[in-house]
């Protein structure tokens, strides 16, 4: 469990990135911090592994203040995935993945063997292990970044907008893969994004932030979609403009299937079930 207790971060230029922030991040779940630029989400994430030190307050992991922990040991015990993957360009993929275990004293051969297994875990062919990062696509590099973050089998995985630099199709694939990995591995994941759709796709707990790290609303995706806390949240998630409304619609030529369309009339899926043909057209189904 990760807990922020009355955390404030004031930078030397007097900018307050986070002010009296309090939050509990449950173990073995994905918490997504989402908000516009300057809301303090990356600052909060980097406080967990002491890349940023709070001006006041505490960040605790399993009731232990991270400020009492050795920085190097702490960072090696926590997985960290960056937007640009952050791979070492002069080292092969397999050696990139094996970096932290080797720094922790694992023999090179053993670390590389484990790295091969991690390539399997993140859905990469083992033959890619002998390539350099520049020889991989952006999506492949991000998968290597995830594999490297998992190499020391950390309990906590920090992900700072890791899929922001890839195209939408690759991004969707990576989101699916992360959900699969989380089901299999059950890590405590802290994920930062500015994309509310990504937050709803990945999160057990979504935390919508305003400027200064103020929590506009925290809850499950369903809770936030069903009951936005205020106008700011409704606008942020698109509920105020009906963007989150879904409708059932039947069209000629669709062989009796009932389509699910968004507020703009764009098909997003097909309603499954025995009574789909009985559903009247243009009936509002639910918020999603």
C-alpha atoms as a PDB file:
ATOM      1  CA  UNK A   1       0.000   0.000   0.000  1.00  0.00           C
ATOM      2  CA  UNK A   2       1.192   3.509  -0.854  1.00  0.00           C
ATOM      3  CA  UNK A   3      -0.013   6.448   1.213  1.00  0.00           C
ATOM      4  CA  UNK A   4       0.461  10.192   0.820  1.00  0.00           C
ATOM      5  CA  UNK A   5       0.057  12.060   4.108  1.00  0.00           C
ATOM      6  CA  UNK A   6      -0.306  15.848   3.948  1.00  0.00           C
ATOM      7  CA  UNK A   7       2.253  16.057   1.143  1.00  0.00           C
ATOM      8  CA  UNK A   8       3.265  19.466  -0.194  1.00  0.00           C
ATOM      9  CA  UNK A   9       5.866  20.221  -2.845  1.00  0.00           C
ATOM     10  CA  UNK A  10       7.082  23.784  -3.299  1.00  0.00           C
ATOM     11  CA  UNK A  11       9.801  24.358  -5.888  1.00  0.00           C
ATOM     12  CA  UNK A  12      12.595  26.975  -5.532  1.00  0.00           C
ATOM     13  CA  UNK A  13      10.721  29.441  -7.795  1.00  0.00           C
ATOM     14  CA  UNK A  14       7.845  29.299  -5.271  1.00  0.00           C
ATOM     15  CA  UNK A  15       5.633  27.201  -7.537  1.00  0.00           C
ATOM     16  CA  UNK A  16       3.414  24.909  -5.494  1.00  0.00           C
ATOM     17  CA  UNK A  17       3.077  21.676  -7.466  1.00  0.00           C
ATOM     18  CA  UNK A  18       1.187  19.792  -4.735  1.00  0.00           C
ATOM     19  CA  UNK A  19      -0.509  21.237  -1.678  1.00  0.00           C
ATOM     20  CA  UNK A  20      -1.517  19.141   1.363  1.00  0.00           C
ATOM     21  CA  UNK A  21      -2.170  16.003  -0.689  1.00  0.00           C
ATOM     22  CA  UNK A  22      -3.681  12.961   1.029  1.00  0.00           C
ATOM     23  CA  UNK A  23      -4.424   9.664  -0.698  1.00  0.00           C
ATOM     24  CA  UNK A  24      -4.189   5.899  -0.188  1.00  0.00           C
ATOM     25  CA  UNK A  25      -3.286   3.726  -3.175  1.00  0.00           C
ATOM     26  CA  UNK A  26      -4.452   0.136  -2.560  1.00  0.00           C
ATOM     27  CA  UNK A  27      -2.062  -2.777  -2.981  1.00  0.00           C
ATOM     28  CA  UNK A  28      -2.278  -4.977  -6.074  1.00  0.00           C
ATOM     29  CA  UNK A  29      -4.451  -2.462  -7.930  1.00  0.00           C
ATOM     30  CA  UNK A  30      -3.905   0.128 -10.646  1.00  0.00           C
ATOM     31  CA  UNK A  31      -4.319   3.743  -9.566  1.00  0.00           C
ATOM     32  CA  UNK A  32      -4.314   6.243 -12.415  1.00  0.00           C
ATOM     33  CA  UNK A  33      -3.505   9.900 -11.745  1.00  0.00           C
ATOM     34  CA  UNK A  34      -5.085  11.938 -14.519  1.00  0.00           C
ATOM     35  CA  UNK A  35      -5.225  15.640 -15.209  1.00  0.00           C
ATOM     36  CA  UNK A  36      -3.993  18.452 -17.399  1.00  0.00           C
ATOM     37  CA  UNK A  37      -0.373  19.612 -17.520  1.00  0.00           C
ATOM     38  CA  UNK A  38       0.741  21.266 -14.300  1.00  0.00           C
ATOM     39  CA  UNK A  39      -1.665  19.430 -11.998  1.00  0.00           C
ATOM     40  CA  UNK A  40       1.160  17.691 -10.117  1.00  0.00           C
ATOM     41  CA  UNK A  41       0.565  14.111 -11.236  1.00  0.00           C
ATOM     42  CA  UNK A  42       4.162  13.379 -12.308  1.00  0.00           C
ATOM     43  CA  UNK A  43       5.491  15.117  -9.198  1.00  0.00           C
ATOM     44  CA  UNK A  44       3.370  12.795  -7.048  1.00  0.00           C
ATOM     45  CA  UNK A  45       4.509   9.711  -8.931  1.00  0.00           C
ATOM     46  CA  UNK A  46       8.196  10.642  -8.577  1.00  0.00           C
ATOM     47  CA  UNK A  47       7.814  11.148  -4.843  1.00  0.00           C
ATOM     48  CA  UNK A  48       7.185   7.408  -4.484  1.00  0.00           C
ATOM     49  CA  UNK A  49      10.754   6.528  -5.542  1.00  0.00           C
ATOM     50  CA  UNK A  50      12.289   9.760  -4.195  1.00  0.00           C
ATOM     51  CA  UNK A  51      13.125  11.265  -7.561  1.00  0.00           C
ATOM     52  CA  UNK A  52      11.278  14.249  -6.084  1.00  0.00           C
ATOM     53  CA  UNK A  53      11.397  14.993  -2.362  1.00  0.00           C
ATOM     54  CA  UNK A  54       8.337  16.545  -0.697  1.00  0.00           C
ATOM     55  CA  UNK A  55       8.729  19.909   0.981  1.00  0.00           C
ATOM     56  CA  UNK A  56       6.571  18.600   3.805  1.00  0.00           C
ATOM     57  CA  UNK A  57       4.485  15.549   4.591  1.00  0.00           C
ATOM     58  CA  UNK A  58       5.195  11.856   4.136  1.00  0.00           C
ATOM     59  CA  UNK A  59       5.037   9.216   1.442  1.00  0.00           C
ATOM     60  CA  UNK A  60       4.774   5.728   2.916  1.00  0.00           C
ATOM     61  CA  UNK A  61       5.033   2.257   1.436  1.00  0.00           C
ATOM     62  CA  UNK A  62       3.501  -0.366   3.714  1.00  0.00           C
ATOM     63  CA  UNK A  63       3.608   2.183   6.568  1.00  0.00           C
ATOM     64  CA  UNK A  64       7.341   2.882   6.080  1.00  0.00           C
ATOM     65  CA  UNK A  65       8.325   6.464   5.215  1.00  0.00           C
ATOM     66  CA  UNK A  66      10.320   6.367   1.969  1.00  0.00           C
ATOM     67  CA  UNK A  67      12.446   9.250   3.304  1.00  0.00           C
ATOM     68  CA  UNK A  68      14.037   6.742   5.698  1.00  0.00           C
ATOM     69  CA  UNK A  69      15.054   4.439   2.840  1.00  0.00           C
ATOM     70  CA  UNK A  70      18.280   4.465   0.844  1.00  0.00           C
ATOM     71  CA  UNK A  71      17.478   6.137  -2.477  1.00  0.00           C
ATOM     72  CA  UNK A  72      19.389   3.703  -4.664  1.00  0.00           C
ATOM     73  CA  UNK A  73      17.967   0.597  -3.013  1.00  0.00           C
ATOM     74  CA  UNK A  74      14.476   2.086  -3.076  1.00  0.00           C
ATOM     75  CA  UNK A  75      14.626   2.872  -6.791  1.00  0.00           C
ATOM     76  CA  UNK A  76      15.987  -0.548  -7.670  1.00  0.00           C
ATOM     77  CA  UNK A  77      13.090  -2.129  -5.789  1.00  0.00           C
ATOM     78  CA  UNK A  78      10.460  -0.175  -7.737  1.00  0.00           C
ATOM     79  CA  UNK A  79       9.755  -0.592 -11.445  1.00  0.00           C
ATOM     80  CA  UNK A  80       9.730   2.630 -13.466  1.00  0.00           C
ATOM     81  CA  UNK A  81       8.504   3.076 -17.045  1.00  0.00           C
ATOM     82  CA  UNK A  82       8.974   6.377 -18.903  1.00  0.00           C
ATOM     83  CA  UNK A  83       7.177   7.795 -21.927  1.00  0.00           C
ATOM     84  CA  UNK A  84      10.206   7.352 -24.184  1.00  0.00           C
ATOM     85  CA  UNK A  85      11.093   3.927 -22.707  1.00  0.00           C
ATOM     86  CA  UNK A  86      14.481   5.294 -21.554  1.00  0.00           C
ATOM     87  CA  UNK A  87      16.421   2.340 -22.923  1.00  0.00           C
ATOM     88  CA  UNK A  88      20.218   2.414 -23.066  1.00  0.00           C
ATOM     89  CA  UNK A  89      20.893   2.836 -26.814  1.00  0.00           C
ATOM     90  CA  UNK A  90      24.320   1.181 -26.769  1.00  0.00           C
ATOM     91  CA  UNK A  91      23.119  -2.017 -25.067  1.00  0.00           C
ATOM     92  CA  UNK A  92      21.136  -4.847 -26.625  1.00  0.00           C
ATOM     93  CA  UNK A  93      17.525  -5.407 -25.599  1.00  0.00           C
ATOM     94  CA  UNK A  94      18.366  -8.401 -23.421  1.00  0.00           C
ATOM     95  CA  UNK A  95      21.021  -6.448 -21.533  1.00  0.00           C
ATOM     96  CA  UNK A  96      18.648  -3.515 -21.086  1.00  0.00           C
ATOM     97  CA  UNK A  97      16.113  -5.802 -19.418  1.00  0.00           C
ATOM     98  CA  UNK A  98      18.794  -7.459 -17.286  1.00  0.00           C
ATOM     99  CA  UNK A  99      20.318  -4.168 -16.073  1.00  0.00           C
ATOM    100  CA  UNK A 100      18.727  -3.859 -12.614  1.00  0.00           C
ATOM    101  CA  UNK A 101      19.095  -7.538 -11.608  1.00  0.00           C
ATOM    102  CA  UNK A 102      22.779  -7.366 -12.553  1.00  0.00           C
ATOM    103  CA  UNK A 103      23.207  -4.181 -10.505  1.00  0.00           C
ATOM    104  CA  UNK A 104      21.629  -6.087  -7.632  1.00  0.00           C
ATOM    105  CA  UNK A 105      24.254  -8.818  -7.941  1.00  0.00           C
ATOM    106  CA  UNK A 106      22.517 -11.401 -10.114  1.00  0.00           C
ATOM    107  CA  UNK A 107      25.036 -13.186 -12.380  1.00  0.00           C
ATOM    108  CA  UNK A 108      24.904 -12.033 -15.995  1.00  0.00           C
ATOM    109  CA  UNK A 109      23.893 -15.412 -17.419  1.00  0.00           C
ATOM    110  CA  UNK A 110      21.071 -15.811 -14.929  1.00  0.00           C
ATOM    111  CA  UNK A 111      19.862 -12.253 -15.465  1.00  0.00           C
ATOM    112  CA  UNK A 112      19.838 -12.680 -19.246  1.00  0.00           C
ATOM    113  CA  UNK A 113      17.946 -15.976 -18.986  1.00  0.00           C
ATOM    114  CA  UNK A 114      15.312 -14.294 -16.828  1.00  0.00           C
ATOM    115  CA  UNK A 115      15.211 -11.414 -19.317  1.00  0.00           C
ATOM    116  CA  UNK A 116      14.331 -13.843 -22.104  1.00  0.00           C
ATOM    117  CA  UNK A 117      11.374 -15.069 -20.056  1.00  0.00           C
ATOM    118  CA  UNK A 118      10.278 -11.476 -19.510  1.00  0.00           C
ATOM    119  CA  UNK A 119      10.240 -10.900 -23.258  1.00  0.00           C
ATOM    120  CA  UNK A 120       7.717 -13.739 -23.394  1.00  0.00           C
ATOM    121  CA  UNK A 121       5.738 -12.090 -20.609  1.00  0.00           C
ATOM    122  CA  UNK A 122       5.385  -8.762 -22.445  1.00  0.00           C
ATOM    123  CA  UNK A 123       4.611 -10.395 -25.782  1.00  0.00           C
ATOM    124  CA  UNK A 124       7.919  -9.953 -27.607  1.00  0.00           C
ATOM    125  CA  UNK A 125       9.726 -12.552 -29.685  1.00  0.00           C
ATOM    126  CA  UNK A 126      12.947 -13.719 -28.037  1.00  0.00           C
ATOM    127  CA  UNK A 127      14.904 -13.001 -31.207  1.00  0.00           C
ATOM    128  CA  UNK A 128      14.486  -9.296 -30.481  1.00  0.00           C
ATOM    129  CA  UNK A 129      16.709  -9.708 -27.450  1.00  0.00           C
ATOM    130  CA  UNK A 130      19.807  -9.448 -29.619  1.00  0.00           C
ATOM    131  CA  UNK A 131      18.751  -6.204 -31.273  1.00  0.00           C
ATOM    132  CA  UNK A 132      19.493  -2.656 -30.193  1.00  0.00           C
ATOM    133  CA  UNK A 133      16.658  -0.307 -29.180  1.00  0.00           C
ATOM    134  CA  UNK A 134      16.996   1.707 -32.410  1.00  0.00           C
ATOM    135  CA  UNK A 135      16.096  -1.451 -34.350  1.00  0.00           C
ATOM    136  CA  UNK A 136      12.697  -1.720 -32.648  1.00  0.00           C
ATOM    137  CA  UNK A 137       9.410   0.040 -33.272  1.00  0.00           C
ATOM    138  CA  UNK A 138       8.080   2.481 -30.683  1.00  0.00           C
ATOM    139  CA  UNK A 139       5.606  -0.061 -29.363  1.00  0.00           C
ATOM    140  CA  UNK A 140       8.295  -2.717 -29.078  1.00  0.00           C
ATOM    141  CA  UNK A 141      10.544  -0.316 -27.190  1.00  0.00           C
ATOM    142  CA  UNK A 142       7.761   0.391 -24.700  1.00  0.00           C
ATOM    143  CA  UNK A 143       7.258  -3.336 -24.135  1.00  0.00           C
ATOM    144  CA  UNK A 144      10.984  -3.649 -23.460  1.00  0.00           C
ATOM    145  CA  UNK A 145      10.655  -0.764 -21.009  1.00  0.00           C
ATOM    146  CA  UNK A 146       7.907  -2.641 -19.174  1.00  0.00           C
ATOM    147  CA  UNK A 147       9.994  -5.834 -19.174  1.00  0.00           C
ATOM    148  CA  UNK A 148      12.949  -3.951 -17.699  1.00  0.00           C
ATOM    149  CA  UNK A 149      10.722  -2.450 -15.017  1.00  0.00           C
ATOM    150  CA  UNK A 150       9.530  -5.945 -14.077  1.00  0.00           C
ATOM    151  CA  UNK A 151      13.009  -7.498 -14.097  1.00  0.00           C
ATOM    152  CA  UNK A 152      13.595  -7.173 -10.354  1.00  0.00           C
ATOM    153  CA  UNK A 153      10.076  -8.486  -9.618  1.00  0.00           C
ATOM    154  CA  UNK A 154       9.018  -5.261  -7.882  1.00  0.00           C
ATOM    155  CA  UNK A 155       5.830  -4.966  -5.877  1.00  0.00           C
ATOM    156  CA  UNK A 156       5.326  -1.430  -7.222  1.00  0.00           C
ATOM    157  CA  UNK A 157       5.353  -0.279 -10.834  1.00  0.00           C
ATOM    158  CA  UNK A 158       5.455   3.452 -11.641  1.00  0.00           C
ATOM    159  CA  UNK A 159       4.386   4.394 -15.175  1.00  0.00           C
ATOM    160  CA  UNK A 160       4.761   8.017 -16.299  1.00  0.00           C
ATOM    161  CA  UNK A 161       2.685   8.492 -19.470  1.00  0.00           C
ATOM    162  CA  UNK A 162       4.359   5.385 -20.935  1.00  0.00           C
ATOM    163  CA  UNK A 163       2.140   5.116 -24.016  1.00  0.00           C
ATOM    164  CA  UNK A 164       1.934   8.788 -24.919  1.00  0.00           C
ATOM    165  CA  UNK A 165       4.517   8.720 -27.716  1.00  0.00           C
ATOM    166  CA  UNK A 166       3.058   5.891 -29.811  1.00  0.00           C
ATOM    167  CA  UNK A 167       0.246   5.927 -32.364  1.00  0.00           C
ATOM    168  CA  UNK A 168      -3.361   5.220 -31.263  1.00  0.00           C
ATOM    169  CA  UNK A 169      -3.461   1.633 -32.538  1.00  0.00           C
ATOM    170  CA  UNK A 170      -0.229   0.673 -30.772  1.00  0.00           C
ATOM    171  CA  UNK A 171      -1.384   2.556 -27.687  1.00  0.00           C
ATOM    172  CA  UNK A 172      -4.602   0.527 -27.549  1.00  0.00           C
ATOM    173  CA  UNK A 173      -2.599  -2.706 -27.898  1.00  0.00           C
ATOM    174  CA  UNK A 174      -0.275  -1.668 -25.067  1.00  0.00           C
ATOM    175  CA  UNK A 175      -3.238  -0.867 -22.832  1.00  0.00           C
ATOM    176  CA  UNK A 176      -4.665  -4.332 -23.455  1.00  0.00           C
ATOM    177  CA  UNK A 177      -1.283  -5.875 -22.667  1.00  0.00           C
ATOM    178  CA  UNK A 178      -0.956  -3.911 -19.434  1.00  0.00           C
ATOM    179  CA  UNK A 179      -4.386  -5.057 -18.293  1.00  0.00           C
ATOM    180  CA  UNK A 180      -3.397  -8.644 -19.068  1.00  0.00           C
ATOM    181  CA  UNK A 181      -0.135  -8.310 -17.162  1.00  0.00           C
ATOM    182  CA  UNK A 182      -1.906  -6.814 -14.174  1.00  0.00           C
ATOM    183  CA  UNK A 183      -4.385  -9.706 -14.081  1.00  0.00           C
ATOM    184  CA  UNK A 184      -1.486 -12.165 -14.143  1.00  0.00           C
ATOM    185  CA  UNK A 185       0.996 -10.371 -11.867  1.00  0.00           C
ATOM    186  CA  UNK A 186      -1.130  -8.269  -9.500  1.00  0.00           C
ATOM    187  CA  UNK A 187       1.337  -5.402  -9.041  1.00  0.00           C
ATOM    188  CA  UNK A 188       0.627  -2.106  -7.292  1.00  0.00           C
ATOM    189  CA  UNK A 189       0.650   0.213 -10.296  1.00  0.00           C
ATOM    190  CA  UNK A 190       0.737   4.005 -10.251  1.00  0.00           C
ATOM    191  CA  UNK A 191      -0.009   5.257 -13.765  1.00  0.00           C
ATOM    192  CA  UNK A 192       0.105   8.889 -14.921  1.00  0.00           C
ATOM    193  CA  UNK A 193      -1.766  10.120 -17.989  1.00  0.00           C
ATOM    194  CA  UNK A 194      -3.587  13.179 -19.315  1.00  0.00           C
ATOM    195  CA  UNK A 195      -5.997  10.943 -21.269  1.00  0.00           C
ATOM    196  CA  UNK A 196      -9.219  10.207 -19.377  1.00  0.00           C
ATOM    197  CA  UNK A 197     -10.151   7.381 -21.752  1.00  0.00           C
ATOM    198  CA  UNK A 198      -6.848   5.681 -20.988  1.00  0.00           C
ATOM    199  CA  UNK A 199      -7.478   6.191 -17.281  1.00  0.00           C
ATOM    200  CA  UNK A 200     -10.895   4.543 -17.488  1.00  0.00           C
ATOM    201  CA  UNK A 201      -9.455   1.654 -19.530  1.00  0.00           C
ATOM    202  CA  UNK A 202      -6.677   0.820 -17.065  1.00  0.00           C
ATOM    203  CA  UNK A 203      -7.686   1.919 -13.586  1.00  0.00           C
ATOM    204  CA  UNK A 204      -9.145   0.247 -10.551  1.00  0.00           C
ATOM    205  CA  UNK A 205      -8.974   3.712  -8.973  1.00  0.00           C
ATOM    206  CA  UNK A 206      -9.027   6.949 -10.985  1.00  0.00           C
ATOM    207  CA  UNK A 207      -7.813  10.154  -9.337  1.00  0.00           C
ATOM    208  CA  UNK A 208      -8.729  13.310 -11.271  1.00  0.00           C
ATOM    209  CA  UNK A 209      -6.467  16.197 -10.299  1.00  0.00           C
ATOM    210  CA  UNK A 210      -6.788  19.952 -10.520  1.00  0.00           C
ATOM    211  CA  UNK A 211      -3.880  22.383 -10.507  1.00  0.00           C
ATOM    212  CA  UNK A 212      -1.800  22.105  -7.351  1.00  0.00           C
ATOM    213  CA  UNK A 213      -2.530  18.440  -6.895  1.00  0.00           C
ATOM    214  CA  UNK A 214      -6.046  19.068  -5.596  1.00  0.00           C
ATOM    215  CA  UNK A 215      -8.234  15.989  -5.908  1.00  0.00           C
ATOM    216  CA  UNK A 216     -11.340  16.797  -7.927  1.00  0.00           C
ATOM    217  CA  UNK A 217     -12.647  13.247  -7.546  1.00  0.00           C
ATOM    218  CA  UNK A 218     -11.308   9.779  -6.773  1.00  0.00           C
ATOM    219  CA  UNK A 219     -13.144   6.532  -7.348  1.00  0.00           C
ATOM    220  CA  UNK A 220     -13.676   3.656  -9.725  1.00  0.00           C
ATOM    221  CA  UNK A 221     -14.341   4.488 -13.375  1.00  0.00           C
ATOM    222  CA  UNK A 222     -17.979   3.464 -12.926  1.00  0.00           C
ATOM    223  CA  UNK A 223     -18.428   5.683  -9.858  1.00  0.00           C
ATOM    224  CA  UNK A 224     -16.994   8.729 -11.619  1.00  0.00           C
ATOM    225  CA  UNK A 225     -18.950   8.172 -14.809  1.00  0.00           C
ATOM    226  CA  UNK A 226     -22.195   7.642 -12.915  1.00  0.00           C
ATOM    227  CA  UNK A 227     -21.764  10.543 -10.488  1.00  0.00           C
ATOM    228  CA  UNK A 228     -19.281  13.289 -11.492  1.00  0.00           C
ATOM    229  CA  UNK A 229     -18.432  15.236  -8.341  1.00  0.00           C
ATOM    230  CA  UNK A 230     -18.855  18.684  -9.892  1.00  0.00           C
ATOM    231  CA  UNK A 231     -18.886  20.651 -13.140  1.00  0.00           C
ATOM    232  CA  UNK A 232     -15.095  20.435 -13.451  1.00  0.00           C
ATOM    233  CA  UNK A 233     -15.193  16.626 -13.415  1.00  0.00           C
ATOM    234  CA  UNK A 234     -18.207  16.488 -15.726  1.00  0.00           C
ATOM    235  CA  UNK A 235     -16.386  18.684 -18.238  1.00  0.00           C
ATOM    236  CA  UNK A 236     -13.130  16.758 -17.889  1.00  0.00           C
ATOM    237  CA  UNK A 237     -14.741  13.381 -18.616  1.00  0.00           C
ATOM    238  CA  UNK A 238     -17.034  14.823 -21.311  1.00  0.00           C
ATOM    239  CA  UNK A 239     -20.275  14.111 -19.488  1.00  0.00           C
ATOM    240  CA  UNK A 240     -21.454  17.725 -19.753  1.00  0.00           C
ATOM    241  CA  UNK A 241     -21.608  17.506 -23.549  1.00  0.00           C
ATOM    242  CA  UNK A 242     -23.145  14.054 -23.680  1.00  0.00           C
ATOM    243  CA  UNK A 243     -19.918  12.509 -24.947  1.00  0.00           C
ATOM    244  CA  UNK A 244     -20.315   9.624 -22.525  1.00  0.00           C
ATOM    245  CA  UNK A 245     -23.876   8.770 -23.539  1.00  0.00           C
ATOM    246  CA  UNK A 246     -24.385   5.517 -25.411  1.00  0.00           C
ATOM    247  CA  UNK A 247     -27.438   4.625 -27.448  1.00  0.00           C
ATOM    248  CA  UNK A 248     -28.919   1.497 -28.972  1.00  0.00           C
ATOM    249  CA  UNK A 249     -29.643   1.752 -32.652  1.00  0.00           C
ATOM    250  CA  UNK A 250     -30.883  -0.570 -35.370  1.00  0.00           C
ATOM    251  CA  UNK A 251     -30.060   0.140 -38.996  1.00  0.00           C
ATOM    252  CA  UNK A 252     -31.150  -1.427 -42.233  1.00  0.00           C
ATOM    253  CA  UNK A 253     -28.610  -3.868 -43.570  1.00  0.00           C
ATOM    254  CA  UNK A 254     -27.231  -4.852 -40.164  1.00  0.00           C
ATOM    255  CA  UNK A 255     -28.944  -8.271 -40.217  1.00  0.00           C
ATOM    256  CA  UNK A 256     -31.080  -7.500 -37.194  1.00  0.00           C
ATOM    257  CA  UNK A 257     -28.121  -6.642 -34.963  1.00  0.00           C
ATOM    258  CA  UNK A 258     -28.413  -3.810 -32.465  1.00  0.00           C
ATOM    259  CA  UNK A 259     -25.536  -1.347 -32.649  1.00  0.00           C
ATOM    260  CA  UNK A 260     -24.169   0.610 -29.710  1.00  0.00           C
ATOM    261  CA  UNK A 261     -23.352   4.137 -30.875  1.00  0.00           C
ATOM    262  CA  UNK A 262     -21.901   7.181 -29.133  1.00  0.00           C
ATOM    263  CA  UNK A 263     -23.445  10.638 -28.898  1.00  0.00           C
ATOM    264  CA  UNK A 264     -22.095  11.502 -32.360  1.00  0.00           C
ATOM    265  CA  UNK A 265     -23.727   8.419 -33.886  1.00  0.00           C
ATOM    266  CA  UNK A 266     -20.438   6.549 -34.363  1.00  0.00           C
ATOM    267  CA  UNK A 267     -20.749   2.762 -33.930  1.00  0.00           C
ATOM    268  CA  UNK A 268     -18.594   1.456 -31.089  1.00  0.00           C
ATOM    269  CA  UNK A 269     -19.877  -2.104 -30.753  1.00  0.00           C
ATOM    270  CA  UNK A 270     -22.711  -4.580 -31.020  1.00  0.00           C
ATOM    271  CA  UNK A 271     -25.109  -5.378 -28.183  1.00  0.00           C
ATOM    272  CA  UNK A 272     -24.953  -9.058 -27.342  1.00  0.00           C
ATOM    273  CA  UNK A 273     -27.858 -11.120 -25.989  1.00  0.00           C
ATOM    274  CA  UNK A 274     -30.947 -13.021 -27.081  1.00  0.00           C
ATOM    275  CA  UNK A 275     -33.211  -9.984 -27.117  1.00  0.00           C
ATOM    276  CA  UNK A 276     -31.080  -7.559 -29.121  1.00  0.00           C
ATOM    277  CA  UNK A 277     -33.482  -7.503 -32.069  1.00  0.00           C
ATOM    278  CA  UNK A 278     -36.243  -6.350 -29.730  1.00  0.00           C
ATOM    279  CA  UNK A 279     -34.375  -3.247 -28.628  1.00  0.00           C
ATOM    280  CA  UNK A 280     -36.025  -0.118 -30.069  1.00  0.00           C
ATOM    281  CA  UNK A 281     -33.812   2.208 -32.113  1.00  0.00           C
ATOM    282  CA  UNK A 282     -32.292   5.353 -30.593  1.00  0.00           C
ATOM    283  CA  UNK A 283     -33.061   4.348 -27.023  1.00  0.00           C
ATOM    284  CA  UNK A 284     -30.495   5.670 -24.566  1.00  0.00           C
ATOM    285  CA  UNK A 285     -28.724   2.658 -23.046  1.00  0.00           C
ATOM    286  CA  UNK A 286     -26.333   3.874 -20.354  1.00  0.00           C
ATOM    287  CA  UNK A 287     -23.384   6.067 -19.557  1.00  0.00           C
ATOM    288  CA  UNK A 288     -20.104   4.410 -20.256  1.00  0.00           C
END
